[in-house]
Amino acid sequence: MKVLLVEDETDLAIPISRFLSSAGWDCAVAKNLNSALEFLEREVFDVCVLDLFLGKEDGTKLIPILSDKNIPIIVLTVVDDVSVKVKCLRMGADDYVVKPFNPEELLVRMEAVLRRVKNISKSRTIVYEDMEIDPFSMTVRVKGEILPLSKKQVMILIKLLENVGKVTSYETLFSYAWSSYEDASIDALRTHVYNLRKILRNYGFDIVSYPGIGYTLKYEKSKESV
């Protein structure tokens, strides 16, 4: 397994890379954004551990690039702030570790993220009416058109499709689309579902809400756009 460690503090980068190497990981270290981009052009990584503050550079600029390459992201930062955490997660980060931390905890979180990715990659393409989801690339197509959905929205949709004809509970959606470390609130879920519903209704699909219970996905041919 290969990990890209983007960390400008040498006193931290060296012991982390040594620890990960001793655990069997092939670790590449980038001290700034340009170095990280060069690594990404040359090599393929299984996960990226990204420091938010790289000198005067903003590490979050790398998140959408990594997300586009389907590389899981674990953010490192000294900032223990909910708003910053939410921002990173919404941008596409998969986990968030606050400094100082134990290297073993980082390793466990890396392994947990990879398990989730592996489970998704093992899933077959999901098809329902005119909709097709590729769980590995996290893309949703309707009649060949790719829908502009976030990773979280796609994961919610996957669970809804797996339970077509049934009500998918809030707890099921939380356990699948949110990691254990995330603050999974009903308001956050409602926001994602609201935005997802607005897009899907253009293609004849709808998400029906069952207050206090969960959601179900329905398809109405009469509402299908021409």
Protein backbone atom coordinates (compact mmCIF):
# COMPACT_ATOMS: atom_id res chain seq x y z
CA MET A 1 0.00 0.00 0.00
CA LYS A 2 1.20 3.48 -0.85
CA VAL A 3 0.53 6.62 1.15
CA LEU A 4 1.28 10.22 0.24
CA LEU A 5 2.14 12.20 3.38
CA VAL A 6 1.83 15.94 2.75
CA GLU A 7 3.50 17.54 5.77
CA ASP A 8 5.88 20.52 5.89
CA GLU A 9 7.14 19.93 9.44
CA THR A 10 10.21 17.71 9.11
CA ASP A 11 10.21 16.86 12.83
CA LEU A 12 6.76 15.34 12.34
CA ALA A 13 7.04 14.00 8.79
CA ILE A 14 10.13 11.87 9.47
CA PRO A 15 8.81 9.90 12.47
CA ILE A 16 5.41 9.42 10.80
CA SER A 17 6.96 8.14 7.57
CA ARG A 18 9.29 5.83 9.51
CA PHE A 19 6.41 4.45 11.55
CA LEU A 20 4.25 3.85 8.49
CA SER A 21 7.18 2.23 6.67
CA SER A 22 7.74 -0.09 9.62
CA ALA A 23 4.05 -1.03 9.37
CA GLY A 24 4.57 -2.09 5.76
CA TRP A 25 3.51 1.06 3.93
CA ASP A 26 5.36 2.65 1.01
CA CYS A 27 5.44 6.26 2.17
CA ALA A 28 6.19 9.30 0.00
CA VAL A 29 6.63 12.67 1.71
CA ALA A 30 5.73 16.01 0.12
CA LYS A 31 6.52 19.26 1.93
CA ASN A 32 4.34 21.55 -0.20
CA LEU A 33 1.55 21.56 -2.76
CA ASN A 34 3.82 21.53 -5.82
CA SER A 35 5.73 18.52 -4.51
CA ALA A 36 2.45 16.74 -3.78
CA LEU A 37 1.16 17.44 -7.31
CA GLU A 38 4.38 16.09 -8.80
CA PHE A 39 3.98 12.85 -6.84
CA LEU A 40 0.36 12.56 -7.97
CA GLU A 41 1.38 12.95 -11.62
CA ARG A 42 4.00 10.18 -11.37
CA GLU A 43 2.54 7.67 -8.94
CA VAL A 44 -0.71 6.08 -7.78
CA PHE A 45 -1.52 6.24 -4.06
CA ASP A 46 -3.99 4.31 -1.92
CA VAL A 47 -4.46 7.11 0.60
CA CYS A 48 -3.23 10.64 1.34
CA VAL A 49 -2.48 12.08 4.78
CA LEU A 50 -2.75 15.83 4.33
CA ASP A 51 -1.68 18.63 6.65
CA LEU A 52 -3.96 21.65 6.34
CA PHE A 53 -1.25 24.23 6.93
CA LEU A 54 1.80 23.90 4.71
CA GLY A 55 3.73 27.02 5.63
CA LYS A 56 1.77 29.79 3.89
CA GLU A 57 -0.05 27.31 1.64
CA ASP A 58 -3.59 26.08 2.19
CA GLY A 59 -3.70 22.29 2.16
CA THR A 60 -7.43 22.24 1.41
CA LYS A 61 -6.59 23.19 -2.19
CA LEU A 62 -5.40 19.62 -2.65
CA ILE A 63 -8.65 18.00 -1.44
CA PRO A 64 -10.68 18.34 -4.69
CA ILE A 65 -7.70 17.11 -6.73
CA LEU A 66 -7.36 14.02 -4.55
CA SER A 67 -11.12 13.46 -4.60
CA ASP A 68 -11.15 13.57 -8.41
CA LYS A 69 -8.51 10.81 -8.35
CA ASN A 70 -10.60 8.81 -5.85
CA ILE A 71 -7.77 8.89 -3.31
CA PRO A 72 -9.05 8.73 0.30
CA ILE A 73 -7.96 11.74 2.36
CA ILE A 74 -7.10 11.95 6.05
CA VAL A 75 -6.63 15.53 7.17
CA LEU A 76 -4.02 16.45 9.79
CA THR A 77 -4.33 19.75 11.63
CA VAL A 78 -3.75 21.50 14.93
CA VAL A 79 -7.19 23.12 14.59
CA ASP A 80 -9.82 21.32 16.64
CA ASP A 81 -12.73 23.32 15.28
CA VAL A 82 -16.05 21.90 14.12
CA SER A 83 -16.48 24.45 11.31
CA VAL A 84 -13.07 23.59 9.83
CA LYS A 85 -13.80 19.88 10.16
CA VAL A 86 -17.17 20.26 8.42
CA LYS A 87 -15.57 22.29 5.63
CA CYS A 88 -12.95 19.61 4.96
CA LEU A 89 -15.49 16.78 5.05
CA ARG A 90 -17.81 18.58 2.69
CA MET A 91 -14.92 19.20 0.31
CA GLY A 92 -14.24 15.46 0.16
CA ALA A 93 -11.99 14.51 3.07
CA ASP A 94 -12.66 11.08 4.59
CA ASP A 95 -11.23 11.57 8.07
CA TYR A 96 -9.89 14.31 10.33
CA VAL A 97 -7.08 13.89 12.88
CA VAL A 98 -6.12 16.63 15.34
CA LYS A 99 -2.49 17.13 16.37
CA PRO A 100 -0.92 15.92 18.57
CA PHE A 101 -1.87 12.33 17.84
CA ASN A 102 -0.59 8.81 18.27
CA PRO A 103 0.87 7.32 15.04
CA GLU A 104 -0.95 4.08 15.79
CA GLU A 105 -4.25 5.95 15.73
CA LEU A 106 -3.37 7.40 12.33
CA LEU A 107 -2.53 3.93 11.04
CA VAL A 108 -5.82 2.51 12.30
CA ARG A 109 -7.75 5.34 10.66
CA MET A 110 -5.92 4.73 7.37
CA GLU A 111 -6.82 1.06 7.53
CA ALA A 112 -10.45 1.89 8.32
CA VAL A 113 -10.73 4.27 5.36
CA LEU A 114 -9.22 1.66 3.04
CA ARG A 115 -11.67 -0.97 4.28
CA ARG A 116 -14.54 1.31 3.34
CA VAL A 117 -13.05 1.95 -0.11
CA LYS A 118 -12.46 -1.77 -0.63
CA ASN A 119 -16.04 -2.60 0.31
CA ILE A 120 -17.31 0.00 -2.14
CA SER A 121 -14.99 -1.18 -4.93
CA LYS A 122 -16.24 -4.75 -4.50
CA SER A 123 -19.79 -3.61 -5.12
CA ARG A 124 -21.23 -4.18 -8.55
CA THR A 125 -22.69 -1.44 -10.69
CA ILE A 126 -26.14 -0.64 -9.34
CA VAL A 127 -28.95 -0.20 -11.86
CA TYR A 128 -32.49 1.02 -11.23
CA GLU A 129 -34.72 2.05 -14.12
CA ASP A 130 -32.68 4.62 -16.12
CA MET A 131 -30.20 5.19 -13.28
CA GLU A 132 -26.79 3.54 -13.04
CA ILE A 133 -24.30 3.96 -10.18
CA ASP A 134 -20.64 3.00 -10.24
CA PRO A 135 -19.74 2.68 -6.52
CA PHE A 136 -16.00 2.68 -7.25
CA SER A 137 -15.84 5.94 -9.22
CA MET A 138 -18.77 7.39 -7.25
CA THR A 139 -20.54 8.43 -10.45
CA VAL A 140 -24.27 8.39 -11.14
CA ARG A 141 -25.63 8.31 -14.68
CA VAL A 142 -29.16 8.66 -15.96
CA LYS A 143 -29.50 7.78 -19.66
CA GLY A 144 -25.74 8.26 -19.97
CA GLU A 145 -25.73 11.72 -18.37
CA ILE A 146 -23.51 12.10 -15.29
CA LEU A 147 -25.31 13.81 -12.42
CA PRO A 148 -23.45 16.51 -10.43
CA LEU A 149 -23.57 14.78 -7.04
CA SER A 150 -21.22 14.95 -4.08
CA LYS A 151 -19.61 11.83 -2.63
CA LYS A 152 -21.98 11.96 0.36
CA GLN A 153 -25.02 12.25 -1.90
CA VAL A 154 -23.89 9.26 -3.97
CA MET A 155 -23.42 7.16 -0.83
CA ILE A 156 -26.90 8.08 0.39
CA LEU A 157 -28.31 7.19 -3.03
CA ILE A 158 -26.52 3.82 -3.04
CA LYS A 159 -28.23 2.84 0.21
CA LEU A 160 -31.60 4.04 -1.04
CA LEU A 161 -31.19 1.95 -4.20
CA GLU A 162 -30.14 -1.10 -2.22
CA ASN A 163 -33.44 -0.81 -0.34
CA VAL A 164 -35.79 0.16 -3.16
CA GLY A 165 -39.35 -0.60 -2.12
CA LYS A 166 -38.44 -0.28 1.55
CA VAL A 167 -37.81 2.61 3.92
CA THR A 168 -34.12 3.16 4.59
CA SER A 169 -33.71 4.30 8.19
CA TYR A 170 -31.72 7.30 9.34
CA GLU A 171 -29.43 4.95 11.26
CA THR A 172 -28.65 2.92 8.13
CA LEU A 173 -27.76 6.04 6.17
CA PHE A 174 -25.61 7.40 8.99
CA SER A 175 -23.69 4.14 9.41
CA TYR A 176 -22.95 3.91 5.69
CA ALA A 177 -22.41 7.49 4.54
CA TRP A 178 -20.84 8.91 7.70
CA SER A 179 -17.67 7.70 9.41
CA SER A 180 -17.78 7.06 13.14
CA TYR A 181 -15.76 10.21 13.86
CA GLU A 182 -18.13 12.52 11.99
CA ASP A 183 -20.89 14.50 13.63
CA ALA A 184 -23.80 12.82 11.83
CA SER A 185 -26.81 15.03 12.55
CA ILE A 186 -30.32 14.71 11.23
CA ASP A 187 -30.07 18.29 9.92
CA ALA A 188 -27.01 17.38 7.85
CA LEU A 189 -28.80 14.34 6.44
CA ARG A 190 -31.88 16.38 5.58
CA THR A 191 -29.75 18.95 3.76
CA HIS A 192 -28.03 16.29 1.66
CA VAL A 193 -31.36 14.60 0.87
CA TYR A 194 -32.99 17.93 -0.01
CA ASN A 195 -30.25 18.79 -2.51
CA LEU A 196 -30.22 15.25 -3.88
CA ARG A 197 -34.01 15.28 -4.31
CA LYS A 198 -33.91 18.54 -6.30
CA ILE A 199 -31.54 16.97 -8.84
CA LEU A 200 -33.26 13.60 -9.07
CA ARG A 201 -36.73 15.08 -9.67
CA ASN A 202 -35.49 16.37 -13.03
CA TYR A 203 -35.14 12.74 -14.11
CA GLY A 204 -38.36 11.27 -12.77
CA PHE A 205 -36.99 10.07 -9.42
CA ASP A 206 -38.11 11.24 -6.01
CA ILE A 207 -37.07 10.70 -2.40
CA VAL A 208 -40.06 10.26 -0.12
CA SER A 209 -39.63 11.22 3.52
CA TYR A 210 -41.07 9.26 6.42
CA PRO A 211 -40.64 11.64 9.38
CA GLY A 212 -38.89 10.07 12.33
CA ILE A 213 -38.07 6.94 10.33
CA GLY A 214 -36.17 7.47 7.09
CA TYR A 215 -36.49 7.74 3.29
CA THR A 216 -37.38 5.69 0.25
CA LEU A 217 -36.56 6.20 -3.44
CA LYS A 218 -39.34 6.12 -6.02
CA TYR A 219 -39.55 6.44 -9.78
CA GLU A 220 -42.51 7.93 -11.62
CA LYS A 221 -42.45 7.51 -15.39
CA SER A 222 -45.12 10.16 -15.70
CA LYS A 223 -42.64 12.69 -14.26
CA GLU A 224 -39.81 11.70 -16.56
CA SER A 225 -38.34 14.64 -18.41
CA VAL A 226 -38.59 14.55 -22.19
